Amino acid sequence: MAALYDLFRTPQPKGEEKVRYHARSVVTGKMSTQDLVRTIARRNAFKEGLVTGVLIALEEAVRDALAEGKSVQLDGIGAFRISAKSPSVRDRHEIRAESIEFKGVVYQADKKLLKKLYRMKKNR
């Protein structure tokens, strides 16, 4: 397995003469849920319907746990938690539940996953 990268010109401050470059990973495609189901089924001799059912159950369980304010840790994959946003206030008593909004889901990769990715070959 090798990760693809390409070099891109780094934006420079006005008046800076030196040209600099930096590497960025290149996305070569997208793996859909159905592609993931087929891959898992093929690698583990599971029926695709079973894998689909497990992924649907996983999505529901993760969604419910996040909605309950829990973080979800998937060993070898990472942790998920929700984040919120609200207006800035000077006093804690100024915040109302109505002013707090869901912002998104924060993902933090598992250390095992990161180690494997760090060791991955790089190709240009």
N, C-alpha and C. Protein backbone atom coordinates (compact mmCIF):
# COMPACT_ATOMS: atom_id res chain seq x y z
N MET A 1 0.85 -1.17 0.00
CA MET A 1 0.00 0.00 0.00
C MET A 1 0.90 1.24 0.00
N ALA A 2 0.61 2.17 -0.89
CA ALA A 2 1.40 3.40 -0.97
C ALA A 2 0.47 4.60 -1.12
N ALA A 3 0.82 5.68 -0.44
CA ALA A 3 0.05 6.91 -0.53
C ALA A 3 0.65 7.78 -1.64
N LEU A 4 -0.20 8.37 -2.44
CA LEU A 4 0.26 9.26 -3.49
C LEU A 4 0.34 10.69 -2.96
N TYR A 5 1.32 11.41 -3.45
CA TYR A 5 1.46 12.82 -3.09
C TYR A 5 1.90 13.59 -4.32
N ASP A 6 1.73 14.89 -4.27
CA ASP A 6 2.23 15.77 -5.32
C ASP A 6 2.78 17.01 -4.62
N LEU A 7 3.56 17.78 -5.35
CA LEU A 7 4.15 18.99 -4.81
C LEU A 7 3.39 20.20 -5.31
N PHE A 8 3.16 21.14 -4.40
CA PHE A 8 2.42 22.36 -4.72
C PHE A 8 3.24 23.56 -4.27
N ARG A 9 3.10 24.63 -5.01
CA ARG A 9 3.81 25.86 -4.68
C ARG A 9 3.21 26.45 -3.41
N THR A 10 4.07 26.80 -2.46
CA THR A 10 3.64 27.39 -1.20
C THR A 10 3.40 28.88 -1.40
N PRO A 11 2.22 29.37 -1.02
CA PRO A 11 1.98 30.82 -1.14
C PRO A 11 3.02 31.60 -0.32
N GLN A 12 3.53 32.66 -0.91
CA GLN A 12 4.58 33.46 -0.27
C GLN A 12 4.05 34.84 0.09
N PRO A 13 4.57 35.42 1.15
CA PRO A 13 4.20 36.81 1.48
C PRO A 13 4.64 37.74 0.35
N LYS A 14 3.94 38.85 0.22
CA LYS A 14 4.31 39.82 -0.82
C LYS A 14 5.75 40.25 -0.64
N GLY A 15 6.46 40.32 -1.74
CA GLY A 15 7.85 40.75 -1.71
C GLY A 15 8.83 39.61 -1.50
N GLU A 16 8.36 38.44 -1.16
CA GLU A 16 9.25 37.28 -0.95
C GLU A 16 9.62 36.70 -2.31
N GLU A 17 10.90 36.55 -2.56
CA GLU A 17 11.39 36.10 -3.86
C GLU A 17 11.56 34.58 -3.96
N LYS A 18 11.82 33.92 -2.83
CA LYS A 18 12.10 32.49 -2.86
C LYS A 18 10.84 31.69 -3.16
N VAL A 19 10.96 30.75 -4.08
CA VAL A 19 9.84 29.85 -4.39
C VAL A 19 10.01 28.62 -3.52
N ARG A 20 8.94 28.25 -2.84
CA ARG A 20 8.97 27.08 -1.97
C ARG A 20 7.82 26.15 -2.35
N TYR A 21 8.01 24.87 -2.07
CA TYR A 21 7.00 23.86 -2.39
C TYR A 21 6.70 23.02 -1.15
N HIS A 22 5.51 22.46 -1.12
CA HIS A 22 5.15 21.54 -0.05
C HIS A 22 4.38 20.36 -0.64
N ALA A 23 4.43 19.24 0.06
CA ALA A 23 3.74 18.03 -0.41
C ALA A 23 2.32 18.00 0.14
N ARG A 24 1.42 17.47 -0.67
CA ARG A 24 0.04 17.23 -0.25
C ARG A 24 -0.34 15.84 -0.74
N SER A 25 -1.12 15.14 0.07
CA SER A 25 -1.59 13.84 -0.37
C SER A 25 -2.59 14.03 -1.50
N VAL A 26 -2.65 13.05 -2.39
CA VAL A 26 -3.54 13.09 -3.54
C VAL A 26 -4.62 12.04 -3.34
N VAL A 27 -5.87 12.46 -3.40
CA VAL A 27 -6.99 11.53 -3.30
C VAL A 27 -7.23 10.94 -4.68
N THR A 28 -7.22 9.61 -4.76
CA THR A 28 -7.33 8.95 -6.06
C THR A 28 -8.71 8.38 -6.33
N GLY A 29 -9.60 8.54 -5.40
CA GLY A 29 -10.95 8.02 -5.59
C GLY A 29 -11.71 8.06 -4.29
N LYS A 30 -12.85 7.40 -4.30
CA LYS A 30 -13.72 7.40 -3.14
C LYS A 30 -14.22 5.98 -2.92
N MET A 31 -14.23 5.53 -1.68
CA MET A 31 -14.78 4.22 -1.37
C MET A 31 -16.16 4.43 -0.79
N SER A 32 -17.17 3.93 -1.48
CA SER A 32 -18.55 4.07 -1.01
C SER A 32 -18.84 3.00 0.04
N THR A 33 -19.97 3.14 0.67
CA THR A 33 -20.38 2.12 1.65
C THR A 33 -20.48 0.77 0.97
N GLN A 34 -21.05 0.73 -0.23
CA GLN A 34 -21.19 -0.54 -0.94
C GLN A 34 -19.82 -1.13 -1.28
N ASP A 35 -18.87 -0.30 -1.65
CA ASP A 35 -17.50 -0.78 -1.90
C ASP A 35 -16.90 -1.36 -0.62
N LEU A 36 -17.12 -0.67 0.49
CA LEU A 36 -16.62 -1.15 1.79
C LEU A 36 -17.26 -2.48 2.15
N VAL A 37 -18.56 -2.59 1.94
CA VAL A 37 -19.27 -3.85 2.21
C VAL A 37 -18.67 -4.98 1.40
N ARG A 38 -18.46 -4.75 0.11
CA ARG A 38 -17.89 -5.80 -0.76
C ARG A 38 -16.50 -6.21 -0.30
N THR A 39 -15.68 -5.22 0.05
CA THR A 39 -14.30 -5.49 0.49
C THR A 39 -14.30 -6.31 1.78
N ILE A 40 -15.10 -5.90 2.76
CA ILE A 40 -15.16 -6.63 4.02
C ILE A 40 -15.69 -8.04 3.79
N ALA A 41 -16.73 -8.17 3.01
CA ALA A 41 -17.32 -9.49 2.74
C ALA A 41 -16.32 -10.41 2.05
N ARG A 42 -15.61 -9.88 1.08
CA ARG A 42 -14.64 -10.68 0.33
C ARG A 42 -13.47 -11.11 1.22
N ARG A 43 -12.98 -10.23 2.07
CA ARG A 43 -11.83 -10.53 2.91
C ARG A 43 -12.15 -11.47 4.08
N ASN A 44 -13.42 -11.54 4.46
CA ASN A 44 -13.78 -12.29 5.65
C ASN A 44 -14.81 -13.39 5.40
N ALA A 45 -15.16 -13.65 4.19
CA ALA A 45 -16.14 -14.68 3.82
C ALA A 45 -17.49 -14.45 4.49
N PHE A 46 -17.85 -13.19 4.73
CA PHE A 46 -19.17 -12.86 5.24
C PHE A 46 -20.08 -12.57 4.05
N LYS A 47 -21.36 -12.75 4.24
CA LYS A 47 -22.32 -12.38 3.20
C LYS A 47 -22.47 -10.85 3.23
N GLU A 48 -22.62 -10.27 2.04
CA GLU A 48 -22.74 -8.81 1.95
C GLU A 48 -23.90 -8.28 2.77
N GLY A 49 -25.00 -9.01 2.80
CA GLY A 49 -26.16 -8.57 3.58
C GLY A 49 -25.84 -8.46 5.07
N LEU A 50 -25.06 -9.39 5.58
CA LEU A 50 -24.66 -9.36 6.98
C LEU A 50 -23.78 -8.13 7.26
N VAL A 51 -22.82 -7.88 6.38
CA VAL A 51 -21.93 -6.73 6.56
C VAL A 51 -22.74 -5.44 6.48
N THR A 52 -23.67 -5.35 5.54
CA THR A 52 -24.52 -4.16 5.43
C THR A 52 -25.32 -3.95 6.71
N GLY A 53 -25.89 -5.01 7.24
CA GLY A 53 -26.66 -4.92 8.48
C GLY A 53 -25.81 -4.46 9.65
N VAL A 54 -24.60 -4.98 9.74
CA VAL A 54 -23.69 -4.57 10.83
C VAL A 54 -23.33 -3.10 10.69
N LEU A 55 -23.06 -2.64 9.47
CA LEU A 55 -22.72 -1.22 9.28
C LEU A 55 -23.90 -0.31 9.60
N ILE A 56 -25.11 -0.73 9.27
CA ILE A 56 -26.30 0.06 9.61
C ILE A 56 -26.46 0.12 11.14
N ALA A 57 -26.27 -1.03 11.79
CA ALA A 57 -26.36 -1.06 13.26
C ALA A 57 -25.27 -0.21 13.90
N LEU A 58 -24.07 -0.22 13.32
CA LEU A 58 -22.97 0.59 13.82
C LEU A 58 -23.32 2.08 13.71
N GLU A 59 -23.83 2.48 12.57
CA GLU A 59 -24.22 3.88 12.36
C GLU A 59 -25.26 4.30 13.38
N GLU A 60 -26.26 3.46 13.61
CA GLU A 60 -27.31 3.80 14.57
C GLU A 60 -26.76 3.89 15.99
N ALA A 61 -25.90 2.96 16.37
CA ALA A 61 -25.34 2.94 17.72
C ALA A 61 -24.43 4.15 17.95
N VAL A 62 -23.62 4.50 16.95
CA VAL A 62 -22.74 5.66 17.06
C VAL A 62 -23.57 6.93 17.16
N ARG A 63 -24.57 7.06 16.30
CA ARG A 63 -25.44 8.25 16.32
C ARG A 63 -26.12 8.41 17.68
N ASP A 64 -26.66 7.31 18.22
CA ASP A 64 -27.36 7.38 19.51
C ASP A 64 -26.39 7.75 20.64
N ALA A 65 -25.20 7.16 20.64
CA ALA A 65 -24.22 7.47 21.69
C ALA A 65 -23.79 8.93 21.62
N LEU A 66 -23.55 9.44 20.41
CA LEU A 66 -23.17 10.84 20.26
C LEU A 66 -24.30 11.76 20.72
N ALA A 67 -25.53 11.40 20.39
CA ALA A 67 -26.69 12.21 20.80
C ALA A 67 -26.85 12.22 22.32
N GLU A 68 -26.36 11.18 23.00
CA GLU A 68 -26.41 11.11 24.46
C GLU A 68 -25.21 11.82 25.11
N GLY A 69 -24.35 12.41 24.29
CA GLY A 69 -23.21 13.13 24.82
C GLY A 69 -21.99 12.27 25.08
N LYS A 70 -22.00 11.05 24.59
CA LYS A 70 -20.86 10.16 24.78
C LYS A 70 -19.88 10.31 23.63
N SER A 71 -18.62 10.00 23.89
CA SER A 71 -17.68 9.86 22.79
C SER A 71 -17.68 8.37 22.42
N VAL A 72 -17.33 8.07 21.20
CA VAL A 72 -17.33 6.69 20.72
C VAL A 72 -15.92 6.34 20.28
N GLN A 73 -15.34 5.32 20.91
CA GLN A 73 -13.99 4.86 20.59
C GLN A 73 -14.09 3.55 19.83
N LEU A 74 -13.61 3.53 18.59
CA LEU A 74 -13.54 2.30 17.80
C LEU A 74 -12.07 1.91 17.70
N ASP A 75 -11.70 0.85 18.39
CA ASP A 75 -10.31 0.41 18.41
C ASP A 75 -9.79 0.21 16.99
N GLY A 76 -8.62 0.76 16.74
CA GLY A 76 -7.99 0.64 15.43
C GLY A 76 -8.49 1.65 14.42
N ILE A 77 -9.54 2.39 14.75
CA ILE A 77 -10.09 3.40 13.84
C ILE A 77 -9.95 4.79 14.44
N GLY A 78 -10.56 5.00 15.61
CA GLY A 78 -10.44 6.29 16.26
C GLY A 78 -11.64 6.62 17.12
N ALA A 79 -11.67 7.85 17.60
CA ALA A 79 -12.73 8.31 18.49
C ALA A 79 -13.53 9.42 17.82
N PHE A 80 -14.81 9.43 18.12
CA PHE A 80 -15.74 10.43 17.59
C PHE A 80 -16.43 11.11 18.76
N ARG A 81 -16.64 12.42 18.63
CA ARG A 81 -17.42 13.16 19.62
C ARG A 81 -18.05 14.34 18.91
N ILE A 82 -19.14 14.85 19.48
CA ILE A 82 -19.77 16.01 18.86
C ILE A 82 -19.14 17.28 19.39
N SER A 83 -19.27 18.34 18.63
CA SER A 83 -18.83 19.65 19.10
C SER A 83 -20.00 20.62 18.95
N ALA A 84 -19.96 21.65 19.76
CA ALA A 84 -21.04 22.63 19.76
C ALA A 84 -20.45 24.03 19.62
N LYS A 85 -21.32 24.97 19.28
CA LYS A 85 -20.89 26.37 19.22
C LYS A 85 -21.97 27.24 19.86
N SER A 86 -21.54 28.37 20.36
CA SER A 86 -22.47 29.32 20.96
C SER A 86 -21.85 30.71 20.87
N PRO A 87 -22.67 31.73 21.05
CA PRO A 87 -22.09 33.08 21.06
C PRO A 87 -21.21 33.27 22.30
N SER A 88 -20.24 34.11 22.19
CA SER A 88 -19.36 34.43 23.30
C SER A 88 -20.10 35.34 24.27
N VAL A 89 -19.96 35.05 25.56
CA VAL A 89 -20.62 35.87 26.58
C VAL A 89 -19.62 36.20 27.69
N ARG A 90 -19.94 37.22 28.46
CA ARG A 90 -19.07 37.62 29.56
C ARG A 90 -19.40 36.86 30.85
N ASP A 91 -20.63 36.41 30.98
CA ASP A 91 -21.07 35.75 32.21
C ASP A 91 -21.71 34.40 31.86
N ARG A 92 -21.41 33.38 32.62
CA ARG A 92 -21.93 32.02 32.38
C ARG A 92 -23.46 32.00 32.35
N HIS A 93 -24.10 32.89 33.08
CA HIS A 93 -25.56 32.89 33.18
C HIS A 93 -26.24 33.47 31.93
N GLU A 94 -25.46 34.04 31.03
CA GLU A 94 -26.03 34.60 29.80
C GLU A 94 -26.32 33.53 28.75
N ILE A 95 -25.70 32.36 28.88
CA ILE A 95 -25.90 31.28 27.89
C ILE A 95 -27.23 30.59 28.13
N ARG A 96 -27.97 30.39 27.08
CA ARG A 96 -29.24 29.67 27.11
C ARG A 96 -29.12 28.48 26.17
N ALA A 97 -29.81 27.42 26.48
CA ALA A 97 -29.78 26.22 25.65
C ALA A 97 -30.13 26.54 24.19
N GLU A 98 -31.03 27.49 23.99
CA GLU A 98 -31.47 27.84 22.63
C GLU A 98 -30.34 28.45 21.80
N SER A 99 -29.33 29.01 22.48
CA SER A 99 -28.24 29.66 21.73
C SER A 99 -27.09 28.70 21.43
N ILE A 100 -27.16 27.47 21.90
CA ILE A 100 -26.11 26.48 21.64
C ILE A 100 -26.52 25.65 20.44
N GLU A 101 -25.61 25.53 19.49
CA GLU A 101 -25.89 24.79 18.25
C GLU A 101 -24.90 23.66 18.05
N PHE A 102 -25.36 22.61 17.41
CA PHE A 102 -24.50 21.51 17.01
C PHE A 102 -23.56 22.05 15.94
N LYS A 103 -22.27 21.79 16.08
CA LYS A 103 -21.29 22.28 15.12
C LYS A 103 -20.83 21.17 14.18
N GLY A 104 -20.57 19.99 14.71
CA GLY A 104 -20.08 18.90 13.87
C GLY A 104 -19.62 17.72 14.70
N VAL A 105 -19.00 16.79 14.02
CA VAL A 105 -18.44 15.62 14.67
C VAL A 105 -16.93 15.71 14.55
N VAL A 106 -16.25 15.56 15.67
CA VAL A 106 -14.79 15.61 15.71
C VAL A 106 -14.29 14.17 15.68
N TYR A 107 -13.33 13.92 14.81
CA TYR A 107 -12.73 12.59 14.70
C TYR A 107 -11.26 12.69 15.07
N GLN A 108 -10.82 11.77 15.92
CA GLN A 108 -9.40 11.68 16.26
C GLN A 108 -8.95 10.26 15.95
N ALA A 109 -8.00 10.12 15.05
CA ALA A 109 -7.54 8.81 14.62
C ALA A 109 -6.90 8.04 15.76
N ASP A 110 -7.11 6.73 15.77
CA ASP A 110 -6.50 5.84 16.76
C ASP A 110 -4.99 5.80 16.54
N LYS A 111 -4.22 5.70 17.61
CA LYS A 111 -2.76 5.68 17.51
C LYS A 111 -2.27 4.50 16.68
N LYS A 112 -2.94 3.35 16.77
CA LYS A 112 -2.55 2.18 15.96
C LYS A 112 -2.71 2.48 14.47
N LEU A 113 -3.81 3.12 14.12
CA LEU A 113 -4.05 3.49 12.73
C LEU A 113 -3.00 4.47 12.25
N LEU A 114 -2.71 5.48 13.06
CA LEU A 114 -1.70 6.47 12.69
C LEU A 114 -0.33 5.83 12.48
N LYS A 115 0.04 4.91 13.36
CA LYS A 115 1.34 4.23 13.22
C LYS A 115 1.42 3.51 11.88
N LYS A 116 0.36 2.80 11.51
CA LYS A 116 0.35 2.08 10.24
C LYS A 116 0.43 3.05 9.06
N LEU A 117 -0.27 4.16 9.15
CA LEU A 117 -0.24 5.14 8.06
C LEU A 117 1.11 5.85 7.97
N TYR A 118 1.74 6.12 9.11
CA TYR A 118 3.05 6.76 9.09
C TYR A 118 4.09 5.89 8.40
N ARG A 119 3.95 4.57 8.53
CA ARG A 119 4.91 3.65 7.92
C ARG A 119 4.62 3.38 6.45
N MET A 120 3.53 3.89 5.95
CA MET A 120 3.10 3.65 4.58
C MET A 120 4.10 4.26 3.58
N LYS A 121 4.30 3.57 2.49
CA LYS A 121 5.19 4.08 1.43
C LYS A 121 4.52 5.28 0.77
N LYS A 122 5.34 6.17 0.22
CA LYS A 122 4.83 7.34 -0.48
C LYS A 122 5.31 7.30 -1.92
N ASN A 123 4.40 7.56 -2.83
CA ASN A 123 4.73 7.58 -4.26
C ASN A 123 4.27 8.89 -4.86
N ARG A 124 5.00 9.34 -5.82
CA ARG A 124 4.63 10.54 -6.53
C ARG A 124 4.17 10.21 -7.91
